[in-house]
Amino acid sequence: MLLLYKKQNIIERFFARLKQFRGIATRYDKLQSIFIAAVQLVPAIIGIN
């Protein structure tokens, strides 16, 4: 059960960090590929830090 709480904490912290990148949520690009690339870039940035 402890492992479950540990994983839940990691996911909650990830979404808290993700909220810092509000530009992704409010971004409306003409091309879907640019939006998808931006969405994939944010977790990479979070992972590096």
C-alpha atoms as a PDB file:
ATOM      1  CA  MET A   1       0.000   0.000   0.000  1.00  0.00           C
ATOM      2  CA  LEU A   2       2.908   2.329   0.725  1.00  0.00           C
ATOM      3  CA  LEU A   3       4.130   1.949  -2.850  1.00  0.00           C
ATOM      4  CA  LEU A   4       0.742   3.080  -4.140  1.00  0.00           C
ATOM      5  CA  TYR A   5       0.917   6.305  -2.112  1.00  0.00           C
ATOM      6  CA  LYS A   6       4.443   6.926  -3.333  1.00  0.00           C
ATOM      7  CA  LYS A   7       3.355   6.627  -6.975  1.00  0.00           C
ATOM      8  CA  GLN A   8       0.329   8.827  -6.339  1.00  0.00           C
ATOM      9  CA  ASN A   9       2.585  11.495  -4.853  1.00  0.00           C
ATOM     10  CA  ILE A  10       4.856  11.433  -7.898  1.00  0.00           C
ATOM     11  CA  ILE A  11       1.909  11.868 -10.256  1.00  0.00           C
ATOM     12  CA  GLU A  12       0.409  14.686  -8.180  1.00  0.00           C
ATOM     13  CA  ARG A  13       3.734  16.536  -8.128  1.00  0.00           C
ATOM     14  CA  PHE A  14       4.067  16.076 -11.901  1.00  0.00           C
ATOM     15  CA  PHE A  15       0.672  17.670 -12.544  1.00  0.00           C
ATOM     16  CA  ALA A  16       1.489  20.501 -10.142  1.00  0.00           C
ATOM     17  CA  ARG A  17       4.648  21.210 -12.149  1.00  0.00           C
ATOM     18  CA  LEU A  18       2.706  20.854 -15.399  1.00  0.00           C
ATOM     19  CA  LYS A  19       0.336  23.628 -14.306  1.00  0.00           C
ATOM     20  CA  GLN A  20       3.294  26.020 -14.347  1.00  0.00           C
ATOM     21  CA  PHE A  21       3.302  25.760 -18.133  1.00  0.00           C
ATOM     22  CA  ARG A  22      -0.030  27.503 -18.668  1.00  0.00           C
ATOM     23  CA  GLY A  23       0.951  28.467 -22.192  1.00  0.00           C
ATOM     24  CA  ILE A  24       0.416  24.880 -23.296  1.00  0.00           C
ATOM     25  CA  ALA A  25      -3.156  24.796 -22.012  1.00  0.00           C
ATOM     26  CA  THR A  26      -4.096  28.110 -23.637  1.00  0.00           C
ATOM     27  CA  ARG A  27      -2.198  27.593 -26.859  1.00  0.00           C
ATOM     28  CA  TYR A  28      -4.100  27.342 -30.106  1.00  0.00           C
ATOM     29  CA  ASP A  29      -1.700  26.578 -32.938  1.00  0.00           C
ATOM     30  CA  LYS A  30      -2.745  26.292 -36.532  1.00  0.00           C
ATOM     31  CA  LEU A  31      -0.979  22.963 -36.848  1.00  0.00           C
ATOM     32  CA  GLN A  32      -1.781  20.019 -34.622  1.00  0.00           C
ATOM     33  CA  SER A  33       1.787  18.739 -34.892  1.00  0.00           C
ATOM     34  CA  ILE A  34       3.166  21.920 -33.284  1.00  0.00           C
ATOM     35  CA  PHE A  35       0.746  21.592 -30.363  1.00  0.00           C
ATOM     36  CA  ILE A  36       1.619  17.911 -29.859  1.00  0.00           C
ATOM     37  CA  ALA A  37       5.329  18.767 -29.937  1.00  0.00           C
ATOM     38  CA  ALA A  38       4.813  21.423 -27.255  1.00  0.00           C
ATOM     39  CA  VAL A  39       2.849  18.977 -25.092  1.00  0.00           C
ATOM     40  CA  GLN A  40       5.675  16.430 -25.406  1.00  0.00           C
ATOM     41  CA  LEU A  41       8.360  19.016 -24.706  1.00  0.00           C
ATOM     42  CA  VAL A  42       7.012  20.034 -21.292  1.00  0.00           C
ATOM     43  CA  PRO A  43       7.432  16.587 -19.635  1.00  0.00           C
ATOM     44  CA  ALA A  44      10.966  16.457 -21.077  1.00  0.00           C
ATOM     45  CA  ILE A  45      11.775  19.795 -19.475  1.00  0.00           C
ATOM     46  CA  ILE A  46      10.260  18.677 -16.182  1.00  0.00           C
ATOM     47  CA  GLY A  47      12.242  15.410 -16.346  1.00  0.00           C
ATOM     48  CA  ILE A  48      15.520  17.240 -16.878  1.00  0.00           C
ATOM     49  CA  ASN A  49      14.978  19.496 -13.903  1.00  0.00           C
END
